Amino acid sequence: MKGRPEIMIPAEFEERVFTIIKQIPRGKVTTYGQIAYMAKFPRHSRLVGSLLKKSVRPKTVPCHRVVNSMGRLVPGWEEQRYLLEEENVPFKPNGYVNLKLAFWQG
């Protein structure tokens, strides 16, 4: 069998993650790791990423406000930067979000 096995994500975890993401204010971002920590699943940041990657959520869930621990955007999702710029999220010259100015801890 090629590829990675399908990841089974508990419904409770999924609900916690999306509840947290809905709370991120405009102009702020948070990280996969912070969301995992707040959802009571510390050290499961990759699980948060997997959930967001495969999920189809309405525009009411601002998934564009989630970045990696260095402030890097999702590769291949060009709209993410546009959406963050529309909210005046500050960026560094390297294209990463300036987490010192825009990080939301919840």
N, C-alpha and C. Protein backbone atom coordinates (compact mmCIF):
# COMPACT_ATOMS: atom_id res chain seq x y z
N MET A 1 0.83 -1.18 0.00
CA MET A 1 0.00 0.00 0.00
C MET A 1 0.88 1.24 0.00
N LYS A 2 0.67 2.10 -0.99
CA LYS A 2 1.46 3.31 -1.10
C LYS A 2 0.84 4.46 -0.33
N GLY A 3 1.66 5.42 0.02
CA GLY A 3 1.16 6.60 0.71
C GLY A 3 0.97 6.38 2.19
N ARG A 4 0.44 7.39 2.80
CA ARG A 4 0.20 7.34 4.24
C ARG A 4 -1.19 6.80 4.52
N PRO A 5 -1.35 6.13 5.66
CA PRO A 5 -2.69 5.64 6.01
C PRO A 5 -3.61 6.81 6.37
N GLU A 6 -4.89 6.60 6.19
CA GLU A 6 -5.89 7.62 6.54
C GLU A 6 -5.84 7.88 8.04
N ILE A 7 -5.85 9.14 8.41
CA ILE A 7 -5.81 9.52 9.82
C ILE A 7 -7.23 9.64 10.34
N MET A 8 -7.51 8.94 11.41
CA MET A 8 -8.83 9.02 12.04
C MET A 8 -8.76 10.10 13.12
N ILE A 9 -9.54 11.14 12.95
CA ILE A 9 -9.53 12.27 13.87
C ILE A 9 -10.78 12.22 14.74
N PRO A 10 -10.61 12.17 16.07
CA PRO A 10 -11.78 12.13 16.95
C PRO A 10 -12.68 13.34 16.75
N ALA A 11 -13.99 13.12 16.75
CA ALA A 11 -14.96 14.20 16.54
C ALA A 11 -14.81 15.29 17.60
N GLU A 12 -14.51 14.90 18.83
CA GLU A 12 -14.35 15.87 19.91
C GLU A 12 -13.18 16.81 19.61
N PHE A 13 -12.08 16.25 19.13
CA PHE A 13 -10.91 17.05 18.78
C PHE A 13 -11.26 18.02 17.65
N GLU A 14 -11.93 17.51 16.63
CA GLU A 14 -12.32 18.34 15.49
C GLU A 14 -13.19 19.51 15.94
N GLU A 15 -14.14 19.24 16.78
CA GLU A 15 -15.04 20.30 17.26
C GLU A 15 -14.27 21.35 18.07
N ARG A 16 -13.36 20.90 18.92
CA ARG A 16 -12.55 21.84 19.71
C ARG A 16 -11.71 22.72 18.80
N VAL A 17 -11.08 22.11 17.81
CA VAL A 17 -10.21 22.86 16.89
C VAL A 17 -10.99 23.96 16.19
N PHE A 18 -12.13 23.63 15.63
CA PHE A 18 -12.89 24.64 14.89
C PHE A 18 -13.50 25.69 15.81
N THR A 19 -13.82 25.32 17.03
CA THR A 19 -14.31 26.31 18.00
C THR A 19 -13.21 27.32 18.30
N ILE A 20 -11.99 26.85 18.45
CA ILE A 20 -10.85 27.73 18.73
C ILE A 20 -10.58 28.64 17.53
N ILE A 21 -10.56 28.07 16.34
CA ILE A 21 -10.26 28.86 15.14
C ILE A 21 -11.28 29.98 14.96
N LYS A 22 -12.52 29.71 15.26
CA LYS A 22 -13.56 30.74 15.12
C LYS A 22 -13.32 31.93 16.06
N GLN A 23 -12.53 31.73 17.11
CA GLN A 23 -12.27 32.80 18.09
C GLN A 23 -11.10 33.69 17.70
N ILE A 24 -10.29 33.29 16.73
CA ILE A 24 -9.13 34.09 16.35
C ILE A 24 -9.62 35.42 15.76
N PRO A 25 -9.23 36.54 16.35
CA PRO A 25 -9.72 37.82 15.85
C PRO A 25 -9.09 38.23 14.52
N ARG A 26 -9.80 39.09 13.80
CA ARG A 26 -9.25 39.66 12.57
C ARG A 26 -7.92 40.34 12.89
N GLY A 27 -6.97 40.21 11.99
CA GLY A 27 -5.68 40.85 12.17
C GLY A 27 -4.71 40.06 13.04
N LYS A 28 -5.13 38.90 13.50
CA LYS A 28 -4.28 38.03 14.32
C LYS A 28 -4.20 36.65 13.69
N VAL A 29 -3.16 35.92 14.07
CA VAL A 29 -3.00 34.52 13.64
C VAL A 29 -2.60 33.70 14.85
N THR A 30 -2.72 32.40 14.72
CA THR A 30 -2.18 31.50 15.72
C THR A 30 -1.56 30.32 14.99
N THR A 31 -0.94 29.43 15.73
CA THR A 31 -0.22 28.31 15.12
C THR A 31 -0.95 26.99 15.34
N TYR A 32 -0.57 26.02 14.53
CA TYR A 32 -1.13 24.67 14.69
C TYR A 32 -0.86 24.16 16.11
N GLY A 33 0.34 24.42 16.60
CA GLY A 33 0.71 23.96 17.94
C GLY A 33 -0.10 24.62 19.04
N GLN A 34 -0.36 25.91 18.90
CA GLN A 34 -1.17 26.62 19.90
C GLN A 34 -2.59 26.09 19.92
N ILE A 35 -3.12 25.81 18.74
CA ILE A 35 -4.48 25.25 18.67
C ILE A 35 -4.52 23.88 19.33
N ALA A 36 -3.53 23.04 19.05
CA ALA A 36 -3.48 21.71 19.67
C ALA A 36 -3.41 21.83 21.19
N TYR A 37 -2.59 22.74 21.67
CA TYR A 37 -2.46 22.97 23.11
C TYR A 37 -3.79 23.41 23.72
N MET A 38 -4.44 24.37 23.07
CA MET A 38 -5.71 24.89 23.58
C MET A 38 -6.82 23.84 23.52
N ALA A 39 -6.70 22.91 22.57
CA ALA A 39 -7.71 21.85 22.42
C ALA A 39 -7.45 20.68 23.37
N LYS A 40 -6.45 20.83 24.23
CA LYS A 40 -6.08 19.79 25.20
C LYS A 40 -5.46 18.56 24.54
N PHE A 41 -4.82 18.79 23.39
CA PHE A 41 -4.08 17.74 22.69
C PHE A 41 -2.67 18.27 22.40
N PRO A 42 -1.91 18.62 23.46
CA PRO A 42 -0.57 19.18 23.21
C PRO A 42 0.29 18.21 22.42
N ARG A 43 1.18 18.75 21.64
CA ARG A 43 2.11 17.98 20.80
C ARG A 43 1.39 17.28 19.64
N HIS A 44 0.22 17.74 19.28
CA HIS A 44 -0.50 17.17 18.14
C HIS A 44 -0.76 18.22 17.07
N SER A 45 0.23 19.10 16.86
CA SER A 45 0.06 20.16 15.86
C SER A 45 -0.13 19.59 14.46
N ARG A 46 0.53 18.49 14.16
CA ARG A 46 0.36 17.89 12.82
C ARG A 46 -1.05 17.37 12.61
N LEU A 47 -1.67 16.93 13.68
CA LEU A 47 -3.05 16.47 13.59
C LEU A 47 -3.98 17.65 13.26
N VAL A 48 -3.67 18.81 13.83
CA VAL A 48 -4.44 20.02 13.49
C VAL A 48 -4.27 20.32 12.00
N GLY A 49 -3.03 20.25 11.52
CA GLY A 49 -2.77 20.50 10.11
C GLY A 49 -3.50 19.53 9.20
N SER A 50 -3.49 18.26 9.58
CA SER A 50 -4.19 17.24 8.79
C SER A 50 -5.69 17.51 8.75
N LEU A 51 -6.23 17.91 9.88
CA LEU A 51 -7.65 18.21 9.95
C LEU A 51 -8.01 19.38 9.03
N LEU A 52 -7.21 20.43 9.08
CA LEU A 52 -7.49 21.60 8.25
C LEU A 52 -7.31 21.29 6.77
N LYS A 53 -6.34 20.45 6.46
CA LYS A 53 -6.06 20.12 5.06
C LYS A 53 -7.23 19.37 4.42
N LYS A 54 -7.83 18.47 5.16
CA LYS A 54 -8.88 17.63 4.56
C LYS A 54 -10.29 18.15 4.82
N SER A 55 -10.41 19.20 5.60
CA SER A 55 -11.73 19.69 5.99
C SER A 55 -12.29 20.68 4.97
N VAL A 56 -13.57 20.60 4.80
CA VAL A 56 -14.30 21.59 4.00
C VAL A 56 -15.20 22.34 4.98
N ARG A 57 -14.83 23.56 5.27
CA ARG A 57 -15.57 24.35 6.25
C ARG A 57 -16.11 25.62 5.60
N PRO A 58 -17.21 26.12 6.10
CA PRO A 58 -17.74 27.37 5.55
C PRO A 58 -16.83 28.54 5.86
N LYS A 59 -17.08 29.65 5.21
CA LYS A 59 -16.27 30.86 5.41
C LYS A 59 -16.32 31.38 6.84
N THR A 60 -17.23 30.85 7.65
CA THR A 60 -17.32 31.30 9.04
C THR A 60 -16.17 30.78 9.88
N VAL A 61 -15.39 29.84 9.35
CA VAL A 61 -14.22 29.32 10.06
C VAL A 61 -12.98 29.91 9.38
N PRO A 62 -12.31 30.88 10.03
CA PRO A 62 -11.19 31.57 9.39
C PRO A 62 -9.88 30.77 9.43
N CYS A 63 -9.85 29.67 8.70
CA CYS A 63 -8.67 28.80 8.69
C CYS A 63 -7.42 29.51 8.17
N HIS A 64 -7.62 30.59 7.41
CA HIS A 64 -6.47 31.33 6.88
C HIS A 64 -5.66 31.99 7.99
N ARG A 65 -6.19 32.05 9.20
CA ARG A 65 -5.48 32.67 10.33
C ARG A 65 -4.61 31.68 11.08
N VAL A 66 -4.39 30.50 10.52
CA VAL A 66 -3.55 29.48 11.16
C VAL A 66 -2.29 29.31 10.32
N VAL A 67 -1.13 29.44 10.97
CA VAL A 67 0.17 29.34 10.30
C VAL A 67 1.06 28.38 11.09
N ASN A 68 2.24 28.10 10.55
CA ASN A 68 3.13 27.22 11.31
C ASN A 68 3.87 28.01 12.39
N SER A 69 4.68 27.33 13.16
CA SER A 69 5.33 27.95 14.33
C SER A 69 6.32 29.05 13.98
N MET A 70 6.70 29.14 12.71
CA MET A 70 7.61 30.20 12.28
C MET A 70 6.86 31.33 11.57
N GLY A 71 5.55 31.16 11.41
CA GLY A 71 4.76 32.17 10.72
C GLY A 71 4.62 31.91 9.23
N ARG A 72 5.05 30.74 8.79
CA ARG A 72 4.98 30.40 7.37
C ARG A 72 3.54 30.07 6.98
N LEU A 73 3.16 30.49 5.79
CA LEU A 73 1.83 30.22 5.26
C LEU A 73 1.76 28.82 4.67
N VAL A 74 0.55 28.38 4.36
CA VAL A 74 0.34 27.06 3.76
C VAL A 74 0.88 27.10 2.34
N PRO A 75 1.84 26.23 2.00
CA PRO A 75 2.36 26.20 0.63
C PRO A 75 1.25 25.89 -0.38
N GLY A 76 1.21 26.66 -1.45
CA GLY A 76 0.24 26.42 -2.50
C GLY A 76 -1.11 27.07 -2.29
N TRP A 77 -1.32 27.73 -1.16
CA TRP A 77 -2.60 28.40 -0.91
C TRP A 77 -2.37 29.90 -1.02
N GLU A 78 -2.35 30.39 -2.26
CA GLU A 78 -2.04 31.79 -2.53
C GLU A 78 -3.05 32.75 -1.89
N GLU A 79 -4.30 32.33 -1.79
CA GLU A 79 -5.35 33.18 -1.23
C GLU A 79 -5.10 33.51 0.25
N GLN A 80 -4.36 32.65 0.95
CA GLN A 80 -4.14 32.87 2.38
C GLN A 80 -3.47 34.21 2.63
N ARG A 81 -2.41 34.51 1.89
CA ARG A 81 -1.72 35.78 2.10
C ARG A 81 -2.64 36.96 1.80
N TYR A 82 -3.38 36.86 0.72
CA TYR A 82 -4.32 37.93 0.37
C TYR A 82 -5.31 38.18 1.51
N LEU A 83 -5.89 37.11 2.04
CA LEU A 83 -6.87 37.25 3.13
C LEU A 83 -6.25 37.89 4.37
N LEU A 84 -5.02 37.49 4.70
CA LEU A 84 -4.34 38.06 5.87
C LEU A 84 -3.97 39.52 5.64
N GLU A 85 -3.53 39.84 4.43
CA GLU A 85 -3.21 41.24 4.12
C GLU A 85 -4.46 42.12 4.21
N GLU A 86 -5.60 41.59 3.81
CA GLU A 86 -6.87 42.32 3.91
C GLU A 86 -7.20 42.64 5.37
N GLU A 87 -6.68 41.83 6.30
CA GLU A 87 -6.92 42.04 7.73
C GLU A 87 -5.76 42.80 8.39
N ASN A 88 -4.82 43.29 7.58
CA ASN A 88 -3.66 44.04 8.05
C ASN A 88 -2.73 43.23 8.95
N VAL A 89 -2.63 41.94 8.69
CA VAL A 89 -1.67 41.11 9.41
C VAL A 89 -0.27 41.49 8.91
N PRO A 90 0.67 41.79 9.82
CA PRO A 90 2.01 42.20 9.40
C PRO A 90 2.86 41.01 8.95
N PHE A 91 3.64 41.25 7.89
CA PHE A 91 4.54 40.24 7.35
C PHE A 91 5.98 40.71 7.47
N LYS A 92 6.88 39.75 7.56
CA LYS A 92 8.32 40.02 7.54
C LYS A 92 8.77 40.07 6.08
N PRO A 93 9.98 40.58 5.83
CA PRO A 93 10.49 40.61 4.45
C PRO A 93 10.58 39.23 3.79
N ASN A 94 10.73 38.17 4.60
CA ASN A 94 10.84 36.82 4.03
C ASN A 94 9.48 36.22 3.66
N GLY A 95 8.39 36.96 3.87
CA GLY A 95 7.07 36.49 3.51
C GLY A 95 6.33 35.77 4.63
N TYR A 96 6.99 35.59 5.76
CA TYR A 96 6.34 34.94 6.90
C TYR A 96 5.56 35.99 7.70
N VAL A 97 4.54 35.55 8.42
CA VAL A 97 3.80 36.44 9.30
C VAL A 97 4.71 36.85 10.46
N ASN A 98 4.64 38.11 10.85
CA ASN A 98 5.40 38.59 12.00
C ASN A 98 4.64 38.18 13.27
N LEU A 99 5.03 37.05 13.83
CA LEU A 99 4.33 36.51 15.00
C LEU A 99 4.50 37.38 16.24
N LYS A 100 5.57 38.15 16.30
CA LYS A 100 5.74 39.04 17.46
C LYS A 100 4.62 40.08 17.52
N LEU A 101 4.11 40.44 16.36
CA LEU A 101 3.06 41.46 16.30
C LEU A 101 1.65 40.89 16.14
N ALA A 102 1.55 39.69 15.56
CA ALA A 102 0.22 39.19 15.18
C ALA A 102 -0.22 37.91 15.89
N PHE A 103 0.61 37.37 16.78
CA PHE A 103 0.27 36.08 17.40
C PHE A 103 -0.86 36.22 18.42
N TRP A 104 -1.84 35.34 18.30
CA TRP A 104 -2.97 35.27 19.23
C TRP A 104 -2.82 34.01 20.08
N GLN A 105 -2.80 34.17 21.40
CA GLN A 105 -2.62 33.04 22.31
C GLN A 105 -3.93 32.45 22.80
N GLY A 106 -5.01 33.12 22.55
CA GLY A 106 -6.31 32.59 22.98
C GLY A 106 -6.73 33.08 24.33
